[in-house]
Amino acid sequence: MNILPTILSLIVLIFFLVKSADLLEDSFVGVSKKLGVNTFVVGFLILAMTSSLPETFVAINAAANDYSSLSVGNIVGATILILTLVLGLSAIKNGRTPFRGLYSTKEVLISLAIIYVQIIALIDGKLVWMEGFFLITIYTAFLIYIIGKSRVLDLSKHRNGASVPLIFAKGVLGVFGLIITSNLTVAQSISLAHQISIPPVLIGLLGISIGTSLPELTILLRSHNKETNTLAAGNFIGSATFNTAVLGLLTILNPTILRNFTSLVPAIMVLSIVIFMFSLMVINDRDITRREGFILLFTFILYIILEVFLNFR
């Protein structure tokens, strides 16, 4: 079977994905300058949501097709990937990822607690609509708290920047580019997985989660100064936290008993360990150092090895 066309199409899609992330990054840096909003908070509130749209669309499609397990694997896998691979690489690339100011240790720990609620909701292998309502409620409450703390319309910090139409155009093109290219990348990744006979459980946990996390990875690669690095850090934590709301949406749309739940158990256990590790790192240093970044990256590699070992025995 010839897999070369699939690989080439993936390379092209990833190229346009990088360009889309670049447009969106420029747009929201421009918004933060125009409104005088803290760049980290702009990343957490807006950029995190837009870059998490692929996970959202996967959840909606999975619910419509009564295959929620695929989306749950995507959500759990993407959350692990962000907290280990993405934030680990961010710390390695920039020397450290600080959490201070408007989004300090307290807010990071609250975010991790909200992420941990995903595990509580999934631990029994069932999706109950009341749990979904609770997941969305706690995420919304945290958003209100962040907005209230950030002084979104602090006009005293207003600065000139790019024109509003240009900012808006870049944002729209970036969002649509990320949505389209991310979903096409996921489709091609799934096709490639079938061609090389990767077990289905790995498609949700690894294949789709990596595909839908490509916006975060490309934003990391395209962040090139202190301001955009701050925006990227807010995006990463915000995306992982937003996955709680995505799980809530999935649960409300399709309350069900998860199929093949045992295949998700190792990933859920790894996510619990990662949240605990990340909490200790933030509490001890108030940031993620380069050394801790390597630890997070090594944890992700171990997670991949574990999943491959369990599914290829």
Protein backbone atom coordinates (compact mmCIF):
# COMPACT_ATOMS: atom_id res chain seq x y z
CA MET A 1 0.00 0.00 0.00
CA ASN A 2 1.40 3.38 -1.06
CA ILE A 3 1.38 5.78 1.90
CA LEU A 4 3.50 8.48 0.21
CA PRO A 5 0.50 10.61 -0.98
CA THR A 6 -0.90 10.63 2.57
CA ILE A 7 2.45 11.68 4.05
CA LEU A 8 2.90 14.44 1.45
CA SER A 9 -0.60 15.78 2.07
CA LEU A 10 0.14 15.86 5.81
CA ILE A 11 3.27 17.92 5.19
CA VAL A 12 1.29 20.44 3.10
CA LEU A 13 -1.47 20.66 5.70
CA ILE A 14 1.00 21.22 8.53
CA PHE A 15 2.64 24.03 6.51
CA PHE A 16 -0.70 25.85 6.18
CA LEU A 17 -1.45 25.09 9.81
CA VAL A 18 1.72 26.94 10.82
CA LYS A 19 0.73 29.91 8.66
CA SER A 20 -2.75 29.98 10.20
CA ALA A 21 -1.30 29.93 13.71
CA ASP A 22 1.00 32.79 12.74
CA LEU A 23 -1.94 34.92 11.58
CA LEU A 24 -3.93 34.21 14.74
CA GLU A 25 -0.97 34.96 16.98
CA ASP A 26 -0.41 38.34 15.28
CA SER A 27 -4.09 39.15 15.54
CA PHE A 28 -4.39 38.59 19.27
CA VAL A 29 -1.13 40.31 20.11
CA GLY A 30 -2.66 43.27 18.25
CA VAL A 31 -5.86 42.99 20.29
CA SER A 32 -3.91 43.00 23.56
CA LYS A 33 -2.06 46.14 22.48
CA LYS A 34 -5.21 47.94 21.38
CA LEU A 35 -7.15 47.22 24.57
CA GLY A 36 -4.26 47.27 27.03
CA VAL A 37 -5.15 43.74 28.10
CA ASN A 38 -2.55 41.51 29.75
CA THR A 39 -1.17 39.35 26.94
CA PHE A 40 -1.27 36.15 29.01
CA VAL A 41 -4.98 36.64 29.72
CA VAL A 42 -5.75 37.29 26.05
CA GLY A 43 -4.11 33.97 25.30
CA PHE A 44 -6.05 32.22 28.05
CA LEU A 45 -9.47 33.67 27.24
CA ILE A 46 -9.57 33.88 23.45
CA LEU A 47 -6.65 32.16 21.78
CA ALA A 48 -7.08 29.05 23.93
CA MET A 49 -10.70 28.72 22.84
CA THR A 50 -10.01 29.25 19.16
CA SER A 51 -7.10 26.81 19.07
CA SER A 52 -9.29 24.27 20.90
CA LEU A 53 -12.04 24.41 18.28
CA PRO A 54 -10.78 21.16 16.64
CA GLU A 55 -11.39 19.27 19.92
CA THR A 56 -14.82 20.90 20.12
CA PHE A 57 -15.79 19.85 16.60
CA VAL A 58 -14.52 16.31 17.22
CA ALA A 59 -16.72 16.18 20.35
CA ILE A 60 -19.81 17.37 18.47
CA ASN A 61 -19.25 14.90 15.64
CA ALA A 62 -18.53 12.05 18.04
CA ALA A 63 -21.72 12.79 19.99
CA ALA A 64 -23.76 12.93 16.78
CA ASN A 65 -22.42 9.53 15.75
CA ASP A 66 -22.82 8.00 19.23
CA TYR A 67 -19.10 7.37 19.52
CA SER A 68 -18.13 9.47 22.52
CA SER A 69 -15.16 7.26 23.43
CA LEU A 70 -13.26 8.63 20.44
CA SER A 71 -13.73 12.21 21.66
CA VAL A 72 -12.93 11.33 25.29
CA GLY A 73 -9.66 9.76 24.12
CA ASN A 74 -8.96 12.91 22.14
CA ILE A 75 -9.65 15.18 25.13
CA VAL A 76 -7.59 13.16 27.62
CA GLY A 77 -4.75 12.63 25.15
CA ALA A 78 -4.68 16.31 24.14
CA THR A 79 -4.62 17.43 27.78
CA ILE A 80 -1.67 15.14 28.55
CA LEU A 81 0.12 16.35 25.43
CA ILE A 82 -0.31 20.04 26.35
CA LEU A 83 0.82 19.63 29.96
CA THR A 84 3.86 17.53 29.03
CA LEU A 85 5.07 17.90 25.46
CA VAL A 86 3.90 21.45 24.68
CA LEU A 87 4.66 23.11 28.02
CA GLY A 88 7.84 21.06 28.36
CA LEU A 89 9.10 22.23 24.98
CA SER A 90 8.05 25.79 25.83
CA ALA A 91 10.21 25.77 28.97
CA ILE A 92 13.13 24.21 27.09
CA LYS A 93 12.85 26.69 24.21
CA ASN A 94 12.53 29.81 26.38
CA GLY A 95 14.62 28.79 29.39
CA ARG A 96 11.59 28.86 31.67
CA THR A 97 7.83 29.42 31.58
CA PRO A 98 6.96 31.88 34.37
CA PHE A 99 3.55 32.11 36.07
CA ARG A 100 3.36 35.49 37.75
CA GLY A 101 1.31 38.67 37.69
CA LEU A 102 -2.33 38.34 36.66
CA TYR A 103 -1.99 34.62 36.08
CA SER A 104 0.15 33.43 38.95
CA THR A 105 0.60 30.21 40.91
CA LYS A 106 -2.90 30.45 42.37
CA GLU A 107 -4.59 30.64 38.98
CA VAL A 108 -2.46 27.83 37.55
CA LEU A 109 -3.37 25.56 40.47
CA ILE A 110 -7.07 26.39 40.02
CA SER A 111 -6.73 25.50 36.33
CA LEU A 112 -5.11 22.18 37.24
CA ALA A 113 -7.94 21.48 39.68
CA ILE A 114 -10.49 22.15 36.93
CA ILE A 115 -8.57 19.79 34.63
CA TYR A 116 -8.58 17.14 37.37
CA VAL A 117 -12.39 17.30 37.46
CA GLN A 118 -12.24 15.62 34.03
CA ILE A 119 -10.78 12.56 35.74
CA ILE A 120 -13.47 12.57 38.43
CA ALA A 121 -16.18 12.71 35.75
CA LEU A 122 -14.62 9.84 33.76
CA ILE A 123 -13.55 7.52 36.57
CA ASP A 124 -16.78 5.45 36.51
CA GLY A 125 -16.76 5.03 32.73
CA LYS A 126 -20.05 6.90 32.29
CA LEU A 127 -21.01 10.28 30.87
CA VAL A 128 -23.94 11.73 32.85
CA TRP A 129 -25.52 15.01 31.73
CA MET A 130 -25.46 16.47 35.26
CA GLU A 131 -21.67 15.99 35.28
CA GLY A 132 -21.49 17.76 31.94
CA PHE A 133 -23.47 20.69 33.30
CA PHE A 134 -21.12 20.87 36.31
CA LEU A 135 -18.00 20.79 34.11
CA ILE A 136 -19.22 23.71 32.00
CA THR A 137 -20.35 25.63 35.09
CA ILE A 138 -17.00 25.49 36.90
CA TYR A 139 -15.13 26.46 33.73
CA THR A 140 -17.49 29.41 33.16
CA ALA A 141 -17.07 30.54 36.79
CA PHE A 142 -13.29 30.48 36.39
CA LEU A 143 -13.53 32.51 33.18
CA ILE A 144 -15.60 35.15 34.99
CA TYR A 145 -12.97 35.27 37.72
CA ILE A 146 -10.12 35.73 35.20
CA ILE A 147 -12.02 38.41 33.29
CA GLY A 148 -12.76 40.30 36.48
CA LYS A 149 -9.12 40.17 37.50
CA SER A 150 -7.67 41.18 34.13
CA ARG A 151 -9.32 44.59 33.69
CA VAL A 152 -10.15 43.79 30.09
CA LEU A 153 -11.05 47.41 29.19
CA ASP A 154 -8.29 49.24 31.04
CA LEU A 155 -8.09 52.23 28.65
CA SER A 156 -5.17 53.75 30.55
CA LYS A 157 -2.97 51.05 28.99
CA HIS A 158 -4.26 51.61 25.48
CA ARG A 159 -1.48 51.50 22.90
CA ASN A 160 -1.37 52.05 19.15
CA GLY A 161 -0.78 49.10 16.91
CA ALA A 162 -2.00 47.61 13.66
CA SER A 163 -5.29 48.85 12.20
CA VAL A 164 -8.48 47.23 13.47
CA PRO A 165 -9.54 45.87 10.04
CA LEU A 166 -6.11 44.25 9.59
CA ILE A 167 -6.23 42.72 13.07
CA PHE A 168 -9.75 41.41 12.43
CA ALA A 169 -8.83 40.01 9.00
CA LYS A 170 -5.81 38.17 10.39
CA GLY A 171 -7.90 36.77 13.23
CA VAL A 172 -10.67 35.50 10.95
CA LEU A 173 -8.23 33.96 8.47
CA GLY A 174 -6.24 32.41 11.31
CA VAL A 175 -9.28 30.88 13.00
CA PHE A 176 -10.72 29.43 9.81
CA GLY A 177 -7.29 28.23 8.73
CA LEU A 178 -6.77 26.45 12.04
CA ILE A 179 -10.22 24.86 11.97
CA ILE A 180 -9.95 23.63 8.39
CA THR A 181 -6.32 22.50 8.40
CA SER A 182 -6.53 20.88 11.84
CA ASN A 183 -9.54 18.80 10.88
CA LEU A 184 -8.01 17.83 7.54
CA THR A 185 -4.80 16.92 9.34
CA VAL A 186 -6.76 14.72 11.73
CA ALA A 187 -8.55 13.02 8.82
CA GLN A 188 -5.28 12.33 7.05
CA SER A 189 -3.67 11.13 10.28
CA ILE A 190 -6.49 8.65 10.79
CA SER A 191 -6.15 7.48 7.19
CA LEU A 192 -2.41 6.96 7.69
CA ALA A 193 -3.04 5.12 10.97
CA HIS A 194 -5.36 2.67 9.21
CA GLN A 195 -2.91 2.20 6.37
CA ILE A 196 -0.11 1.19 8.76
CA SER A 197 -2.50 -0.77 11.05
CA ILE A 198 -2.30 1.30 14.25
CA PRO A 199 -4.84 -0.03 16.81
CA PRO A 200 -8.04 2.08 17.03
CA VAL A 201 -7.44 2.98 20.69
CA LEU A 202 -4.31 4.85 19.66
CA ILE A 203 -6.23 6.91 17.11
CA GLY A 204 -8.21 8.76 19.76
CA LEU A 205 -5.54 8.93 22.47
CA LEU A 206 -2.56 9.64 20.25
CA GLY A 207 -3.46 10.22 16.60
CA ILE A 208 -6.40 12.61 16.93
CA SER A 209 -5.11 14.25 20.11
CA ILE A 210 -1.81 15.09 18.43
CA GLY A 211 -3.64 16.35 15.36
CA THR A 212 -6.03 18.59 17.29
CA SER A 213 -3.12 19.89 19.42
CA LEU A 214 -1.15 21.01 16.38
CA PRO A 215 -2.40 24.62 16.80
CA GLU A 216 -0.73 24.76 20.24
CA LEU A 217 2.45 23.17 18.89
CA THR A 218 2.64 25.56 15.95
CA ILE A 219 1.95 28.59 18.14
CA LEU A 220 4.83 27.40 20.34
CA LEU A 221 7.14 27.15 17.34
CA ARG A 222 6.08 30.58 16.05
CA SER A 223 6.45 32.43 19.37
CA HIS A 224 9.64 34.42 18.95
CA ASN A 225 9.78 37.10 21.66
CA LYS A 226 8.81 37.69 25.29
CA GLU A 227 5.35 39.04 24.42
CA THR A 228 4.35 36.19 22.13
CA ASN A 229 5.90 33.65 24.52
CA THR A 230 3.60 35.02 27.24
CA LEU A 231 0.64 34.77 24.86
CA ALA A 232 1.60 31.17 24.04
CA ALA A 233 1.88 30.18 27.73
CA GLY A 234 -1.62 31.52 28.38
CA ASN A 235 -2.89 29.63 25.36
CA PHE A 236 -1.41 26.33 26.54
CA ILE A 237 -2.87 26.41 30.05
CA GLY A 238 -6.12 27.84 28.70
CA SER A 239 -6.44 25.08 26.09
CA ALA A 240 -5.92 22.32 28.66
CA THR A 241 -8.50 23.94 30.94
CA PHE A 242 -10.95 24.51 28.09
CA ASN A 243 -10.91 20.76 27.42
CA THR A 244 -12.94 20.44 30.63
CA ALA A 245 -15.70 22.49 29.01
CA VAL A 246 -15.41 20.40 25.83
CA LEU A 247 -15.91 17.22 27.87
CA GLY A 248 -18.90 18.88 29.52
CA LEU A 249 -20.39 19.68 26.10
CA LEU A 250 -19.84 16.10 24.92
CA THR A 251 -21.48 14.75 28.07
CA ILE A 252 -24.57 16.94 27.69
CA LEU A 253 -24.94 16.11 24.00
CA ASN A 254 -24.54 12.36 24.44
CA PRO A 255 -24.82 10.91 27.97
CA THR A 256 -23.64 7.33 27.63
CA ILE A 257 -21.54 4.46 28.95
CA LEU A 258 -18.11 4.66 27.33
CA ARG A 259 -17.14 1.82 25.05
CA ASN A 260 -13.77 0.17 25.68
CA PHE A 261 -13.31 2.28 28.81
CA THR A 262 -10.44 0.06 30.02
CA SER A 263 -8.36 1.35 27.11
CA LEU A 264 -8.62 4.86 28.59
CA VAL A 265 -7.60 3.87 32.13
CA PRO A 266 -3.79 4.09 31.59
CA ALA A 267 -4.15 7.57 30.06
CA ILE A 268 -6.34 8.72 32.95
CA MET A 269 -3.76 7.46 35.44
CA VAL A 270 -0.96 9.26 33.56
CA LEU A 271 -2.99 12.48 33.52
CA SER A 272 -3.43 12.26 37.31
CA ILE A 273 0.33 11.88 37.77
CA VAL A 274 1.07 14.74 35.36
CA ILE A 275 -1.30 17.11 37.19
CA PHE A 276 0.39 16.25 40.51
CA MET A 277 3.88 16.77 39.03
CA PHE A 278 2.92 20.04 37.38
CA SER A 279 1.41 21.33 40.64
CA LEU A 280 4.63 20.63 42.55
CA MET A 281 6.73 22.37 39.89
CA VAL A 282 4.60 25.52 39.96
CA ILE A 283 4.40 25.62 43.77
CA ASN A 284 8.17 25.18 44.23
CA ASP A 285 9.45 27.57 41.55
CA ARG A 286 6.43 29.65 40.47
CA ASP A 287 7.40 28.67 36.94
CA ILE A 288 8.49 25.73 34.82
CA THR A 289 12.28 25.70 34.50
CA ARG A 290 14.23 24.25 31.59
CA ARG A 291 15.19 21.23 33.71
CA GLU A 292 11.53 20.65 34.58
CA GLY A 293 10.70 21.08 30.91
CA PHE A 294 12.95 18.12 30.12
CA ILE A 295 11.18 16.13 32.86
CA LEU A 296 7.80 16.89 31.29
CA LEU A 297 9.10 15.96 27.84
CA PHE A 298 10.50 12.68 29.20
CA THR A 299 7.13 11.99 30.86
CA PHE A 300 5.38 12.38 27.49
CA ILE A 301 7.83 9.98 25.86
CA LEU A 302 7.19 7.42 28.62
CA TYR A 303 3.45 7.86 28.10
CA ILE A 304 3.79 7.12 24.38
CA ILE A 305 5.91 4.04 25.13
CA LEU A 306 3.34 2.85 27.68
CA GLU A 307 0.44 3.18 25.22
CA VAL A 308 2.37 1.42 22.46
CA PHE A 309 3.42 -1.39 24.81
CA LEU A 310 -0.11 -1.93 26.12
CA ASN A 311 -1.63 -1.97 22.65
CA PHE A 312 0.98 -4.02 20.80
CA ARG A 313 1.42 -6.88 23.25
